[in-house]
Amino acid sequence: MQLKSGKGREILGLLAFLVVSTVFLGEAPTAIHLIGGALSLGGMWLGLRRGTEASSGQSEQAAR
């Protein structure tokens, strides 16, 4: 996960939002929140991973 490129910042932003909202609202996340969050993070990770693979493939074709 590269934070300099900005792609990993979305995931960190989601995690920071979870912590801040828990502190200010005073409500602990339930099991369904954790499951939904895990699915969201997994989807973001897959999307970012596929985006990285696609862009690396395009740069390899441009180099040829």
PDB file of N, CA and C in Angstrom:
ATOM      1  N   MET A   1       0.846  -1.170   0.000  1.00  0.00           N
ATOM      2  CA  MET A   1       0.000   0.000   0.000  1.00  0.00           C
ATOM      3  C   MET A   1       0.893   1.235   0.000  1.00  0.00           C
ATOM      4  N   GLN A   2       0.761   2.055  -1.022  1.00  0.00           N
ATOM      5  CA  GLN A   2       1.577   3.248  -1.148  1.00  0.00           C
ATOM      6  C   GLN A   2       0.760   4.464  -0.750  1.00  0.00           C
ATOM      7  N   LEU A   3       1.185   5.136   0.300  1.00  0.00           N
ATOM      8  CA  LEU A   3       0.455   6.298   0.776  1.00  0.00           C
ATOM      9  C   LEU A   3       0.788   7.550  -0.020  1.00  0.00           C
ATOM     10  N   LYS A   4       1.964   7.591  -0.636  1.00  0.00           N
ATOM     11  CA  LYS A   4       2.369   8.778  -1.384  1.00  0.00           C
ATOM     12  C   LYS A   4       1.524   8.975  -2.627  1.00  0.00           C
ATOM     13  N   SER A   5       1.068   7.874  -3.231  1.00  0.00           N
ATOM     14  CA  SER A   5       0.287   7.995  -4.453  1.00  0.00           C
ATOM     15  C   SER A   5      -1.140   8.428  -4.196  1.00  0.00           C
ATOM     16  N   GLY A   6      -1.593   8.374  -2.950  1.00  0.00           N
ATOM     17  CA  GLY A   6      -2.944   8.796  -2.620  1.00  0.00           C
ATOM     18  C   GLY A   6      -3.947   7.661  -2.629  1.00  0.00           C
ATOM     19  N   LYS A   7      -3.598   6.498  -3.164  1.00  0.00           N
ATOM     20  CA  LYS A   7      -4.535   5.391  -3.228  1.00  0.00           C
ATOM     21  C   LYS A   7      -4.783   4.775  -1.857  1.00  0.00           C
ATOM     22  N   GLY A   8      -3.770   4.693  -1.036  1.00  0.00           N
ATOM     23  CA  GLY A   8      -3.935   4.112   0.287  1.00  0.00           C
ATOM     24  C   GLY A   8      -4.587   5.059   1.271  1.00  0.00           C
ATOM     25  N   ARG A   9      -4.652   6.319   0.919  1.00  0.00           N
ATOM     26  CA  ARG A   9      -5.244   7.312   1.821  1.00  0.00           C
ATOM     27  C   ARG A   9      -6.740   7.094   1.989  1.00  0.00           C
ATOM     28  N   GLU A  10      -7.416   6.532   0.986  1.00  0.00           N
ATOM     29  CA  GLU A  10      -8.838   6.260   1.109  1.00  0.00           C
ATOM     30  C   GLU A  10      -9.108   5.265   2.216  1.00  0.00           C
ATOM     31  N   ILE A  11      -8.277   4.243   2.300  1.00  0.00           N
ATOM     32  CA  ILE A  11      -8.449   3.221   3.328  1.00  0.00           C
ATOM     33  C   ILE A  11      -8.146   3.802   4.699  1.00  0.00           C
ATOM     34  N   LEU A  12      -7.078   4.568   4.793  1.00  0.00           N
ATOM     35  CA  LEU A  12      -6.756   5.192   6.075  1.00  0.00           C
ATOM     36  C   LEU A  12      -7.823   6.201   6.482  1.00  0.00           C
ATOM     37  N   GLY A  13      -8.398   6.895   5.532  1.00  0.00           N
ATOM     38  CA  GLY A  13      -9.473   7.835   5.822  1.00  0.00           C
ATOM     39  C   GLY A  13     -10.691   7.138   6.399  1.00  0.00           C
ATOM     40  N   LEU A  14     -11.026   5.977   5.850  1.00  0.00           N
ATOM     41  CA  LEU A  14     -12.153   5.205   6.365  1.00  0.00           C
ATOM     42  C   LEU A  14     -11.895   4.750   7.794  1.00  0.00           C
ATOM     43  N   LEU A  15     -10.697   4.284   8.063  1.00  0.00           N
ATOM     44  CA  LEU A  15     -10.362   3.839   9.419  1.00  0.00           C
ATOM     45  C   LEU A  15     -10.342   5.011  10.397  1.00  0.00           C
ATOM     46  N   ALA A  16      -9.834   6.147   9.979  1.00  0.00           N
ATOM     47  CA  ALA A  16      -9.817   7.325  10.843  1.00  0.00           C
ATOM     48  C   ALA A  16     -11.237   7.795  11.134  1.00  0.00           C
ATOM     49  N   PHE A  17     -12.103   7.743  10.132  1.00  0.00           N
ATOM     50  CA  PHE A  17     -13.490   8.131  10.324  1.00  0.00           C
ATOM     51  C   PHE A  17     -14.169   7.221  11.349  1.00  0.00           C
ATOM     52  N   LEU A  18     -13.870   5.944  11.315  1.00  0.00           N
ATOM     53  CA  LEU A  18     -14.428   5.002  12.279  1.00  0.00           C
ATOM     54  C   LEU A  18     -14.020   5.368  13.701  1.00  0.00           C
ATOM     55  N   VAL A  19     -12.753   5.661  13.891  1.00  0.00           N
ATOM     56  CA  VAL A  19     -12.252   6.000  15.224  1.00  0.00           C
ATOM     57  C   VAL A  19     -12.851   7.319  15.715  1.00  0.00           C
ATOM     58  N   VAL A  20     -12.849   8.339  14.867  1.00  0.00           N
ATOM     59  CA  VAL A  20     -13.352   9.658  15.265  1.00  0.00           C
ATOM     60  C   VAL A  20     -14.854   9.600  15.553  1.00  0.00           C
ATOM     61  N   SER A  21     -15.606   8.913  14.708  1.00  0.00           N
ATOM     62  CA  SER A  21     -17.050   8.830  14.935  1.00  0.00           C
ATOM     63  C   SER A  21     -17.371   8.052  16.200  1.00  0.00           C
ATOM     64  N   THR A  22     -16.588   7.021  16.500  1.00  0.00           N
ATOM     65  CA  THR A  22     -16.797   6.269  17.731  1.00  0.00           C
ATOM     66  C   THR A  22     -16.519   7.138  18.952  1.00  0.00           C
ATOM     67  N   VAL A  23     -15.483   7.946  18.900  1.00  0.00           N
ATOM     68  CA  VAL A  23     -15.125   8.811  20.029  1.00  0.00           C
ATOM     69  C   VAL A  23     -16.192   9.886  20.233  1.00  0.00           C
ATOM     70  N   PHE A  24     -16.611  10.569  19.161  1.00  0.00           N
ATOM     71  CA  PHE A  24     -17.546  11.677  19.303  1.00  0.00           C
ATOM     72  C   PHE A  24     -18.985  11.230  19.553  1.00  0.00           C
ATOM     73  N   LEU A  25     -19.398  10.126  18.943  1.00  0.00           N
ATOM     74  CA  LEU A  25     -20.765   9.663  19.134  1.00  0.00           C
ATOM     75  C   LEU A  25     -20.909   8.772  20.361  1.00  0.00           C
ATOM     76  N   GLY A  26     -19.817   8.192  20.798  1.00  0.00           N
ATOM     77  CA  GLY A  26     -19.841   7.353  21.987  1.00  0.00           C
ATOM     78  C   GLY A  26     -20.520   6.010  21.784  1.00  0.00           C
ATOM     79  N   GLU A  27     -20.650   5.570  20.553  1.00  0.00           N
ATOM     80  CA  GLU A  27     -21.271   4.283  20.278  1.00  0.00           C
ATOM     81  C   GLU A  27     -20.226   3.335  19.699  1.00  0.00           C
ATOM     82  N   ALA A  28     -20.156   2.169  20.281  1.00  0.00           N
ATOM     83  CA  ALA A  28     -19.218   1.163  19.785  1.00  0.00           C
ATOM     84  C   ALA A  28     -19.814   0.490  18.547  1.00  0.00           C
ATOM     85  N   PRO A  29     -18.988   0.182  17.559  1.00  0.00           N
ATOM     86  CA  PRO A  29     -19.500  -0.512  16.377  1.00  0.00           C
ATOM     87  C   PRO A  29     -19.965  -1.925  16.740  1.00  0.00           C
ATOM     88  N   THR A  30     -21.043  -2.365  16.119  1.00  0.00           N
ATOM     89  CA  THR A  30     -21.558  -3.717  16.341  1.00  0.00           C
ATOM     90  C   THR A  30     -20.938  -4.679  15.333  1.00  0.00           C
ATOM     91  N   ALA A  31     -21.300  -5.935  15.437  1.00  0.00           N
ATOM     92  CA  ALA A  31     -20.745  -6.958  14.542  1.00  0.00           C
ATOM     93  C   ALA A  31     -21.079  -6.654  13.081  1.00  0.00           C
ATOM     94  N   ILE A  32     -22.293  -6.194  12.806  1.00  0.00           N
ATOM     95  CA  ILE A  32     -22.680  -5.905  11.424  1.00  0.00           C
ATOM     96  C   ILE A  32     -21.871  -4.739  10.854  1.00  0.00           C
ATOM     97  N   HIS A  33     -21.508  -3.764  11.695  1.00  0.00           N
ATOM     98  CA  HIS A  33     -20.657  -2.662  11.250  1.00  0.00           C
ATOM     99  C   HIS A  33     -19.264  -3.167  10.895  1.00  0.00           C
ATOM    100  N   LEU A  34     -18.737  -4.054  11.720  1.00  0.00           N
ATOM    101  CA  LEU A  34     -17.401  -4.594  11.468  1.00  0.00           C
ATOM    102  C   LEU A  34     -17.373  -5.459  10.207  1.00  0.00           C
ATOM    103  N   ILE A  35     -18.426  -6.245  10.000  1.00  0.00           N
ATOM    104  CA  ILE A  35     -18.502  -7.075   8.793  1.00  0.00           C
ATOM    105  C   ILE A  35     -18.601  -6.192   7.552  1.00  0.00           C
ATOM    106  N   GLY A  36     -19.470  -5.183   7.614  1.00  0.00           N
ATOM    107  CA  GLY A  36     -19.604  -4.253   6.485  1.00  0.00           C
ATOM    108  C   GLY A  36     -18.314  -3.502   6.212  1.00  0.00           C
ATOM    109  N   GLY A  37     -17.634  -3.086   7.276  1.00  0.00           N
ATOM    110  CA  GLY A  37     -16.354  -2.398   7.113  1.00  0.00           C
ATOM    111  C   GLY A  37     -15.300  -3.292   6.492  1.00  0.00           C
ATOM    112  N   ALA A  38     -15.272  -4.548   6.927  1.00  0.00           N
ATOM    113  CA  ALA A  38     -14.308  -5.498   6.361  1.00  0.00           C
ATOM    114  C   ALA A  38     -14.578  -5.734   4.878  1.00  0.00           C
ATOM    115  N   LEU A  39     -15.851  -5.849   4.517  1.00  0.00           N
ATOM    116  CA  LEU A  39     -16.191  -6.022   3.103  1.00  0.00           C
ATOM    117  C   LEU A  39     -15.824  -4.780   2.286  1.00  0.00           C
ATOM    118  N   SER A  40     -16.059  -3.607   2.858  1.00  0.00           N
ATOM    119  CA  SER A  40     -15.701  -2.366   2.160  1.00  0.00           C
ATOM    120  C   SER A  40     -14.194  -2.251   1.963  1.00  0.00           C
ATOM    121  N   LEU A  41     -13.444  -2.531   3.025  1.00  0.00           N
ATOM    122  CA  LEU A  41     -11.984  -2.475   2.912  1.00  0.00           C
ATOM    123  C   LEU A  41     -11.457  -3.505   1.921  1.00  0.00           C
ATOM    124  N   GLY A  42     -12.042  -4.698   1.936  1.00  0.00           N
ATOM    125  CA  GLY A  42     -11.640  -5.724   0.970  1.00  0.00           C
ATOM    126  C   GLY A  42     -11.911  -5.298  -0.461  1.00  0.00           C
ATOM    127  N   GLY A  43     -13.076  -4.678  -0.679  1.00  0.00           N
ATOM    128  CA  GLY A  43     -13.407  -4.185  -2.020  1.00  0.00           C
ATOM    129  C   GLY A  43     -12.483  -3.079  -2.468  1.00  0.00           C
ATOM    130  N   MET A  44     -12.162  -2.175  -1.553  1.00  0.00           N
ATOM    131  CA  MET A  44     -11.221  -1.099  -1.888  1.00  0.00           C
ATOM    132  C   MET A  44      -9.847  -1.661  -2.198  1.00  0.00           C
ATOM    133  N   TRP A  45      -9.411  -2.620  -1.410  1.00  0.00           N
ATOM    134  CA  TRP A  45      -8.095  -3.214  -1.623  1.00  0.00           C
ATOM    135  C   TRP A  45      -8.032  -3.889  -2.989  1.00  0.00           C
ATOM    136  N   LEU A  46      -9.091  -4.643  -3.325  1.00  0.00           N
ATOM    137  CA  LEU A  46      -9.112  -5.298  -4.638  1.00  0.00           C
ATOM    138  C   LEU A  46      -9.127  -4.274  -5.768  1.00  0.00           C
ATOM    139  N   GLY A  47      -9.919  -3.232  -5.620  1.00  0.00           N
ATOM    140  CA  GLY A  47      -9.989  -2.200  -6.655  1.00  0.00           C
ATOM    141  C   GLY A  47      -8.672  -1.479  -6.834  1.00  0.00           C
ATOM    142  N   LEU A  48      -8.022  -1.152  -5.742  1.00  0.00           N
ATOM    143  CA  LEU A  48      -6.733  -0.471  -5.828  1.00  0.00           C
ATOM    144  C   LEU A  48      -5.667  -1.396  -6.398  1.00  0.00           C
ATOM    145  N   ARG A  49      -5.744  -2.654  -6.040  1.00  0.00           N
ATOM    146  CA  ARG A  49      -4.768  -3.628  -6.538  1.00  0.00           C
ATOM    147  C   ARG A  49      -4.930  -3.814  -8.045  1.00  0.00           C
ATOM    148  N   ARG A  50      -6.169  -3.948  -8.496  1.00  0.00           N
ATOM    149  CA  ARG A  50      -6.406  -4.115  -9.924  1.00  0.00           C
ATOM    150  C   ARG A  50      -6.035  -2.855 -10.693  1.00  0.00           C
ATOM    151  N   GLY A  51      -6.267  -1.698 -10.099  1.00  0.00           N
ATOM    152  CA  GLY A  51      -5.888  -0.445 -10.739  1.00  0.00           C
ATOM    153  C   GLY A  51      -4.388  -0.341 -10.895  1.00  0.00           C
ATOM    154  N   THR A  52      -3.647  -0.806  -9.901  1.00  0.00           N
ATOM    155  CA  THR A  52      -2.187  -0.787  -9.961  1.00  0.00           C
ATOM    156  C   THR A  52      -1.680  -1.752 -11.018  1.00  0.00           C
ATOM    157  N   GLU A  53      -2.300  -2.941 -11.090  1.00  0.00           N
ATOM    158  CA  GLU A  53      -1.880  -3.917 -12.091  1.00  0.00           C
ATOM    159  C   GLU A  53      -2.174  -3.417 -13.499  1.00  0.00           C
ATOM    160  N   ALA A  54      -3.323  -2.772 -13.678  1.00  0.00           N
ATOM    161  CA  ALA A  54      -3.684  -2.269 -15.000  1.00  0.00           C
ATOM    162  C   ALA A  54      -2.752  -1.142 -15.427  1.00  0.00           C
ATOM    163  N   SER A  55      -2.427  -0.251 -14.492  1.00  0.00           N
ATOM    164  CA  SER A  55      -1.556   0.853 -14.866  1.00  0.00           C
ATOM    165  C   SER A  55      -0.137   0.376 -15.119  1.00  0.00           C
ATOM    166  N   SER A  56       0.321  -0.651 -14.410  1.00  0.00           N
ATOM    167  CA  SER A  56       1.668  -1.165 -14.672  1.00  0.00           C
ATOM    168  C   SER A  56       1.720  -1.866 -16.017  1.00  0.00           C
ATOM    169  N   GLY A  57       0.611  -2.503 -16.423  1.00  0.00           N
ATOM    170  CA  GLY A  57       0.564  -3.129 -17.730  1.00  0.00           C
ATOM    171  C   GLY A  57       0.591  -2.104 -18.852  1.00  0.00           C
ATOM    172  N   GLN A  58      -0.070  -0.972 -18.634  1.00  0.00           N
ATOM    173  CA  GLN A  58      -0.072   0.080 -19.644  1.00  0.00           C
ATOM    174  C   GLN A  58       1.303   0.706 -19.777  1.00  0.00           C
ATOM    175  N   SER A  59       2.009   0.869 -18.667  1.00  0.00           N
ATOM    176  CA  SER A  59       3.342   1.472 -18.736  1.00  0.00           C
ATOM    177  C   SER A  59       4.327   0.515 -19.406  1.00  0.00           C
ATOM    178  N   GLU A  60       4.131  -0.794 -19.233  1.00  0.00           N
ATOM    179  CA  GLU A  60       4.996  -1.757 -19.914  1.00  0.00           C
ATOM    180  C   GLU A  60       4.771  -1.722 -21.418  1.00  0.00           C
ATOM    181  N   GLN A  61       3.491  -1.563 -21.822  1.00  0.00           N
ATOM    182  CA  GLN A  61       3.210  -1.494 -23.258  1.00  0.00           C
ATOM    183  C   GLN A  61       3.756  -0.215 -23.858  1.00  0.00           C
ATOM    184  N   ALA A  62       3.721   0.872 -23.116  1.00  0.00           N
ATOM    185  CA  ALA A  62       4.253   2.134 -23.611  1.00  0.00           C
ATOM    186  C   ALA A  62       5.768   2.082 -23.772  1.00  0.00           C
ATOM    187  N   ALA A  63       6.434   1.284 -22.926  1.00  0.00           N
ATOM    188  CA  ALA A  63       7.886   1.177 -22.978  1.00  0.00           C
ATOM    189  C   ALA A  63       8.331   0.399 -24.221  1.00  0.00           C
ATOM    190  N   ARG A  64       7.451  -0.434 -24.729  1.00  0.00           N
ATOM    191  CA  ARG A  64       7.820  -1.242 -25.907  1.00  0.00           C
ATOM    192  C   ARG A  64       7.762  -0.398 -27.091  1.00  0.00           C
TER     193      ARG A  64
END
